Structures are given as C-alpha cells and as structure tokens.
Amino acid sequence: MNIFLVTFLVFMLVVIFMSVGVIFSNRKIKGSCGGLNNIDGLEGDCALCSKKTCDKKKKMEKLNA
C-alpha cells in the first residue's frame, strides 16, 4: 500500500508541475497533427463557425504564427 501511495503522490506532483508550467508559459494548448481535421469531409472547415473560410480563423492563425 505504501508503494501505491508514493507512486500516486509522484504522479500527482508531476501533473501539478505540468499544469503550473502551462499556466505560466501563457500559451494555448495545441492539438497534434491528427484529430478531426484529418477526417474526410472536414478539410478546411473552420472550427469556430463551420465555414470554409473564416475571418476569425485567419485572425487566430495570425496570432499563433
């Protein structure tokens, strides 16, 4: 039981330090290369308003670049 508690504590500390790092880096969390954009029929669709071209998407891409 002691091994379980020590292991759980270590994992929780790692999760806490990772979340604090994300918060202080002030960057948005980005997805991987996969995801919903790789599904057939969804190429190029805007995740914000479901249009092919979108001003909001262009604005966000400029900010992230």
PDB file of N, CA and C in Angstrom:
ATOM      1  N   MET A   1       0.821  -1.194   0.000  1.00  0.00           N
ATOM      2  CA  MET A   1       0.000   0.000   0.000  1.00  0.00           C
ATOM      3  C   MET A   1       0.867   1.261   0.000  1.00  0.00           C
ATOM      4  N   ASN A   2       2.006   1.192   0.665  1.00  0.00           N
ATOM      5  CA  ASN A   2       2.897   2.351   0.707  1.00  0.00           C
ATOM      6  C   ASN A   2       3.438   2.685  -0.677  1.00  0.00           C
ATOM      7  N   ILE A   3       3.744   1.658  -1.462  1.00  0.00           N
ATOM      8  CA  ILE A   3       4.258   1.882  -2.817  1.00  0.00           C
ATOM      9  C   ILE A   3       3.202   2.585  -3.662  1.00  0.00           C
ATOM     10  N   PHE A   4       1.961   2.156  -3.506  1.00  0.00           N
ATOM     11  CA  PHE A   4       0.869   2.786  -4.252  1.00  0.00           C
ATOM     12  C   PHE A   4       0.756   4.265  -3.880  1.00  0.00           C
ATOM     13  N   LEU A   5       0.782   4.584  -2.609  1.00  0.00           N
ATOM     14  CA  LEU A   5       0.652   5.976  -2.178  1.00  0.00           C
ATOM     15  C   LEU A   5       1.810   6.837  -2.654  1.00  0.00           C
ATOM     16  N   VAL A   6       3.017   6.310  -2.594  1.00  0.00           N
ATOM     17  CA  VAL A   6       4.190   7.057  -3.062  1.00  0.00           C
ATOM     18  C   VAL A   6       4.086   7.278  -4.571  1.00  0.00           C
ATOM     19  N   THR A   7       3.715   6.257  -5.301  1.00  0.00           N
ATOM     20  CA  THR A   7       3.575   6.374  -6.754  1.00  0.00           C
ATOM     21  C   THR A   7       2.484   7.379  -7.110  1.00  0.00           C
ATOM     22  N   PHE A   8       1.351   7.306  -6.427  1.00  0.00           N
ATOM     23  CA  PHE A   8       0.257   8.245  -6.670  1.00  0.00           C
ATOM     24  C   PHE A   8       0.701   9.675  -6.386  1.00  0.00           C
ATOM     25  N   LEU A   9       1.405   9.879  -5.307  1.00  0.00           N
ATOM     26  CA  LEU A   9       1.898  11.204  -4.945  1.00  0.00           C
ATOM     27  C   LEU A   9       2.862  11.743  -6.002  1.00  0.00           C
ATOM     28  N   VAL A  10       3.756  10.901  -6.488  1.00  0.00           N
ATOM     29  CA  VAL A  10       4.712  11.322  -7.514  1.00  0.00           C
ATOM     30  C   VAL A  10       3.977  11.726  -8.789  1.00  0.00           C
ATOM     31  N   PHE A  11       3.011  10.916  -9.215  1.00  0.00           N
ATOM     32  CA  PHE A  11       2.253  11.252 -10.415  1.00  0.00           C
ATOM     33  C   PHE A  11       1.457  12.537 -10.236  1.00  0.00           C
ATOM     34  N   MET A  12       0.872  12.739  -9.082  1.00  0.00           N
ATOM     35  CA  MET A  12       0.121  13.965  -8.842  1.00  0.00           C
ATOM     36  C   MET A  12       1.037  15.192  -8.849  1.00  0.00           C
ATOM     37  N   LEU A  13       2.233  15.051  -8.302  1.00  0.00           N
ATOM     38  CA  LEU A  13       3.188  16.158  -8.344  1.00  0.00           C
ATOM     39  C   LEU A  13       3.591  16.492  -9.775  1.00  0.00           C
ATOM     40  N   VAL A  14       3.793  15.472 -10.589  1.00  0.00           N
ATOM     41  CA  VAL A  14       4.144  15.698 -11.998  1.00  0.00           C
ATOM     42  C   VAL A  14       3.010  16.428 -12.715  1.00  0.00           C
ATOM     43  N   VAL A  15       1.771  16.004 -12.481  1.00  0.00           N
ATOM     44  CA  VAL A  15       0.624  16.651 -13.118  1.00  0.00           C
ATOM     45  C   VAL A  15       0.513  18.108 -12.661  1.00  0.00           C
ATOM     46  N   ILE A  16       0.722  18.351 -11.390  1.00  0.00           N
ATOM     47  CA  ILE A  16       0.639  19.719 -10.865  1.00  0.00           C
ATOM     48  C   ILE A  16       1.724  20.597 -11.477  1.00  0.00           C
ATOM     49  N   PHE A  17       2.961  20.093 -11.536  1.00  0.00           N
ATOM     50  CA  PHE A  17       4.046  20.890 -12.117  1.00  0.00           C
ATOM     51  C   PHE A  17       3.823  21.150 -13.603  1.00  0.00           C
ATOM     52  N   MET A  18       3.286  20.173 -14.325  1.00  0.00           N
ATOM     53  CA  MET A  18       2.998  20.379 -15.744  1.00  0.00           C
ATOM     54  C   MET A  18       1.909  21.433 -15.929  1.00  0.00           C
ATOM     55  N   SER A  19       0.873  21.384 -15.108  1.00  0.00           N
ATOM     56  CA  SER A  19      -0.209  22.370 -15.242  1.00  0.00           C
ATOM     57  C   SER A  19       0.268  23.772 -14.868  1.00  0.00           C
ATOM     58  N   VAL A  20       1.106  23.881 -13.864  1.00  0.00           N
ATOM     59  CA  VAL A  20       1.660  25.184 -13.494  1.00  0.00           C
ATOM     60  C   VAL A  20       2.547  25.714 -14.620  1.00  0.00           C
ATOM     61  N   GLY A  21       3.303  24.837 -15.255  1.00  0.00           N
ATOM     62  CA  GLY A  21       4.135  25.247 -16.387  1.00  0.00           C
ATOM     63  C   GLY A  21       3.315  25.764 -17.546  1.00  0.00           C
ATOM     64  N   VAL A  22       2.187  25.118 -17.828  1.00  0.00           N
ATOM     65  CA  VAL A  22       1.315  25.576 -18.915  1.00  0.00           C
ATOM     66  C   VAL A  22       0.709  26.926 -18.560  1.00  0.00           C
ATOM     67  N   ILE A  23       0.306  27.087 -17.316  1.00  0.00           N
ATOM     68  CA  ILE A  23      -0.301  28.350 -16.898  1.00  0.00           C
ATOM     69  C   ILE A  23       0.699  29.499 -16.999  1.00  0.00           C
ATOM     70  N   PHE A  24       1.922  29.297 -16.526  1.00  0.00           N
ATOM     71  CA  PHE A  24       2.907  30.380 -16.533  1.00  0.00           C
ATOM     72  C   PHE A  24       3.526  30.625 -17.895  1.00  0.00           C
ATOM     73  N   SER A  25       3.481  29.653 -18.808  1.00  0.00           N
ATOM     74  CA  SER A  25       4.028  29.886 -20.145  1.00  0.00           C
ATOM     75  C   SER A  25       3.102  30.762 -20.976  1.00  0.00           C
ATOM     76  N   ASN A  26       1.832  30.869 -20.568  1.00  0.00           N
ATOM     77  CA  ASN A  26       0.852  31.743 -21.202  1.00  0.00           C
ATOM     78  C   ASN A  26       0.662  31.421 -22.686  1.00  0.00           C
ATOM     79  N   ARG A  27       0.743  30.151 -23.035  1.00  0.00           N
ATOM     80  CA  ARG A  27       0.493  29.711 -24.405  1.00  0.00           C
ATOM     81  C   ARG A  27      -0.750  28.842 -24.429  1.00  0.00           C
ATOM     82  N   LYS A  28      -1.396  28.816 -25.567  1.00  0.00           N
ATOM     83  CA  LYS A  28      -2.560  27.961 -25.723  1.00  0.00           C
ATOM     84  C   LYS A  28      -2.104  26.527 -25.952  1.00  0.00           C
ATOM     85  N   ILE A  29      -2.879  25.592 -25.482  1.00  0.00           N
ATOM     86  CA  ILE A  29      -2.592  24.185 -25.716  1.00  0.00           C
ATOM     87  C   ILE A  29      -3.027  23.861 -27.142  1.00  0.00           C
ATOM     88  N   LYS A  30      -2.141  23.268 -27.915  1.00  0.00           N
ATOM     89  CA  LYS A  30      -2.426  22.954 -29.311  1.00  0.00           C
ATOM     90  C   LYS A  30      -2.607  21.450 -29.475  1.00  0.00           C
ATOM     91  N   GLY A  31      -3.375  21.099 -30.458  1.00  0.00           N
ATOM     92  CA  GLY A  31      -3.585  19.693 -30.764  1.00  0.00           C
ATOM     93  C   GLY A  31      -2.424  19.115 -31.547  1.00  0.00           C
ATOM     94  N   SER A  32      -2.491  17.837 -31.783  1.00  0.00           N
ATOM     95  CA  SER A  32      -1.443  17.168 -32.542  1.00  0.00           C
ATOM     96  C   SER A  32      -1.739  17.271 -34.038  1.00  0.00           C
ATOM     97  N   CYS A  33      -0.953  16.574 -34.837  1.00  0.00           N
ATOM     98  CA  CYS A  33      -1.154  16.572 -36.295  1.00  0.00           C
ATOM     99  C   CYS A  33      -2.436  15.836 -36.672  1.00  0.00           C
ATOM    100  N   GLY A  34      -2.870  14.927 -35.854  1.00  0.00           N
ATOM    101  CA  GLY A  34      -4.093  14.179 -36.130  1.00  0.00           C
ATOM    102  C   GLY A  34      -5.304  14.971 -35.701  1.00  0.00           C
ATOM    103  N   GLY A  35      -6.365  14.309 -35.443  1.00  0.00           N
ATOM    104  CA  GLY A  35      -7.553  14.983 -34.946  1.00  0.00           C
ATOM    105  C   GLY A  35      -8.650  15.048 -35.979  1.00  0.00           C
ATOM    106  N   LEU A  36      -9.630  15.865 -35.705  1.00  0.00           N
ATOM    107  CA  LEU A  36     -10.825  15.926 -36.545  1.00  0.00           C
ATOM    108  C   LEU A  36     -10.562  16.521 -37.918  1.00  0.00           C
ATOM    109  N   ASN A  37      -9.514  17.321 -38.081  1.00  0.00           N
ATOM    110  CA  ASN A  37      -9.246  17.912 -39.394  1.00  0.00           C
ATOM    111  C   ASN A  37      -8.769  16.879 -40.404  1.00  0.00           C
ATOM    112  N   ASN A  38      -8.358  15.703 -39.955  1.00  0.00           N
ATOM    113  CA  ASN A  38      -7.909  14.666 -40.880  1.00  0.00           C
ATOM    114  C   ASN A  38      -9.025  13.724 -41.308  1.00  0.00           C
ATOM    115  N   ILE A  39     -10.243  13.945 -40.846  1.00  0.00           N
ATOM    116  CA  ILE A  39     -11.378  13.119 -41.242  1.00  0.00           C
ATOM    117  C   ILE A  39     -11.870  13.598 -42.604  1.00  0.00           C
ATOM    118  N   ASP A  40     -12.198  12.661 -43.480  1.00  0.00           N
ATOM    119  CA  ASP A  40     -12.688  13.023 -44.812  1.00  0.00           C
ATOM    120  C   ASP A  40     -13.952  13.864 -44.695  1.00  0.00           C
ATOM    121  N   GLY A  41     -14.008  14.928 -45.461  1.00  0.00           N
ATOM    122  CA  GLY A  41     -15.163  15.805 -45.478  1.00  0.00           C
ATOM    123  C   GLY A  41     -15.024  17.000 -44.555  1.00  0.00           C
ATOM    124  N   LEU A  42     -14.007  17.034 -43.715  1.00  0.00           N
ATOM    125  CA  LEU A  42     -13.834  18.154 -42.793  1.00  0.00           C
ATOM    126  C   LEU A  42     -12.630  19.011 -43.136  1.00  0.00           C
ATOM    127  N   GLU A  43     -11.968  18.752 -44.262  1.00  0.00           N
ATOM    128  CA  GLU A  43     -10.768  19.516 -44.601  1.00  0.00           C
ATOM    129  C   GLU A  43     -11.102  20.981 -44.788  1.00  0.00           C
ATOM    130  N   GLY A  44     -10.377  21.839 -44.110  1.00  0.00           N
ATOM    131  CA  GLY A  44     -10.516  23.264 -44.299  1.00  0.00           C
ATOM    132  C   GLY A  44     -11.689  23.910 -43.597  1.00  0.00           C
ATOM    133  N   ASP A  45     -12.537  23.130 -42.952  1.00  0.00           N
ATOM    134  CA  ASP A  45     -13.663  23.738 -42.256  1.00  0.00           C
ATOM    135  C   ASP A  45     -13.170  24.498 -41.039  1.00  0.00           C
ATOM    136  N   CYS A  46     -13.799  25.591 -40.762  1.00  0.00           N
ATOM    137  CA  CYS A  46     -13.443  26.396 -39.604  1.00  0.00           C
ATOM    138  C   CYS A  46     -14.078  25.774 -38.363  1.00  0.00           C
ATOM    139  N   ALA A  47     -13.276  25.587 -37.324  1.00  0.00           N
ATOM    140  CA  ALA A  47     -13.787  25.008 -36.093  1.00  0.00           C
ATOM    141  C   ALA A  47     -14.650  25.995 -35.324  1.00  0.00           C
ATOM    142  N   LEU A  48     -14.551  27.280 -35.663  1.00  0.00           N
ATOM    143  CA  LEU A  48     -15.303  28.292 -34.927  1.00  0.00           C
ATOM    144  C   LEU A  48     -16.703  28.519 -35.495  1.00  0.00           C
ATOM    145  N   CYS A  49     -16.824  28.509 -36.823  1.00  0.00           N
ATOM    146  CA  CYS A  49     -18.134  28.845 -37.384  1.00  0.00           C
ATOM    147  C   CYS A  49     -18.569  27.893 -38.494  1.00  0.00           C
ATOM    148  N   SER A  50     -17.833  26.836 -38.757  1.00  0.00           N
ATOM    149  CA  SER A  50     -18.140  25.793 -39.740  1.00  0.00           C
ATOM    150  C   SER A  50     -18.270  26.314 -41.170  1.00  0.00           C
ATOM    151  N   LYS A  51     -17.506  27.363 -41.525  1.00  0.00           N
ATOM    152  CA  LYS A  51     -17.428  27.847 -42.895  1.00  0.00           C
ATOM    153  C   LYS A  51     -16.077  27.447 -43.473  1.00  0.00           C
ATOM    154  N   LYS A  52     -15.968  27.440 -44.777  1.00  0.00           N
ATOM    155  CA  LYS A  52     -14.699  27.089 -45.419  1.00  0.00           C
ATOM    156  C   LYS A  52     -13.632  28.139 -45.162  1.00  0.00           C
ATOM    157  N   THR A  53     -13.976  29.404 -45.278  1.00  0.00           N
ATOM    158  CA  THR A  53     -13.048  30.497 -44.972  1.00  0.00           C
ATOM    159  C   THR A  53     -13.691  31.361 -43.909  1.00  0.00           C
ATOM    160  N   CYS A  54     -12.898  31.767 -42.978  1.00  0.00           N
ATOM    161  CA  CYS A  54     -13.463  32.469 -41.839  1.00  0.00           C
ATOM    162  C   CYS A  54     -12.487  33.542 -41.364  1.00  0.00           C
ATOM    163  N   ASP A  55     -12.991  34.739 -41.106  1.00  0.00           N
ATOM    164  CA  ASP A  55     -12.142  35.826 -40.626  1.00  0.00           C
ATOM    165  C   ASP A  55     -11.596  35.529 -39.233  1.00  0.00           C
ATOM    166  N   LYS A  56     -12.418  34.894 -38.395  1.00  0.00           N
ATOM    167  CA  LYS A  56     -11.966  34.565 -37.037  1.00  0.00           C
ATOM    168  C   LYS A  56     -10.799  33.591 -37.081  1.00  0.00           C
ATOM    169  N   LYS A  57     -10.895  32.597 -37.979  1.00  0.00           N
ATOM    170  CA  LYS A  57      -9.814  31.608 -38.096  1.00  0.00           C
ATOM    171  C   LYS A  57      -8.542  32.263 -38.610  1.00  0.00           C
ATOM    172  N   LYS A  58      -8.660  33.128 -39.603  1.00  0.00           N
ATOM    173  CA  LYS A  58      -7.484  33.825 -40.136  1.00  0.00           C
ATOM    174  C   LYS A  58      -6.826  34.682 -39.060  1.00  0.00           C
ATOM    175  N   LYS A  59      -7.656  35.361 -38.249  1.00  0.00           N
ATOM    176  CA  LYS A  59      -7.154  36.208 -37.186  1.00  0.00           C
ATOM    177  C   LYS A  59      -6.400  35.370 -36.138  1.00  0.00           C
ATOM    178  N   MET A  60      -6.950  34.204 -35.782  1.00  0.00           N
ATOM    179  CA  MET A  60      -6.307  33.326 -34.810  1.00  0.00           C
ATOM    180  C   MET A  60      -5.001  32.776 -35.355  1.00  0.00           C
ATOM    181  N   GLU A  61      -4.971  32.429 -36.653  1.00  0.00           N
ATOM    182  CA  GLU A  61      -3.748  31.907 -37.256  1.00  0.00           C
ATOM    183  C   GLU A  61      -2.647  32.966 -37.268  1.00  0.00           C
ATOM    184  N   LYS A  62      -3.018  34.229 -37.491  1.00  0.00           N
ATOM    185  CA  LYS A  62      -2.033  35.315 -37.459  1.00  0.00           C
ATOM    186  C   LYS A  62      -1.461  35.487 -36.059  1.00  0.00           C
ATOM    187  N   LEU A  63      -2.304  35.349 -35.033  1.00  0.00           N
ATOM    188  CA  LEU A  63      -1.855  35.498 -33.660  1.00  0.00           C
ATOM    189  C   LEU A  63      -0.929  34.351 -33.237  1.00  0.00           C
ATOM    190  N   ASN A  64      -1.195  33.156 -33.729  1.00  0.00           N
ATOM    191  CA  ASN A  64      -0.413  31.977 -33.352  1.00  0.00           C
ATOM    192  C   ASN A  64       0.895  31.870 -34.130  1.00  0.00           C
ATOM    193  N   ALA A  65       1.017  32.599 -35.221  1.00  0.00           N
ATOM    194  CA  ALA A  65       2.214  32.500 -36.060  1.00  0.00           C
ATOM    195  C   ALA A  65       3.390  33.246 -35.492  1.00  0.00           C
TER     196      ALA A  65
END
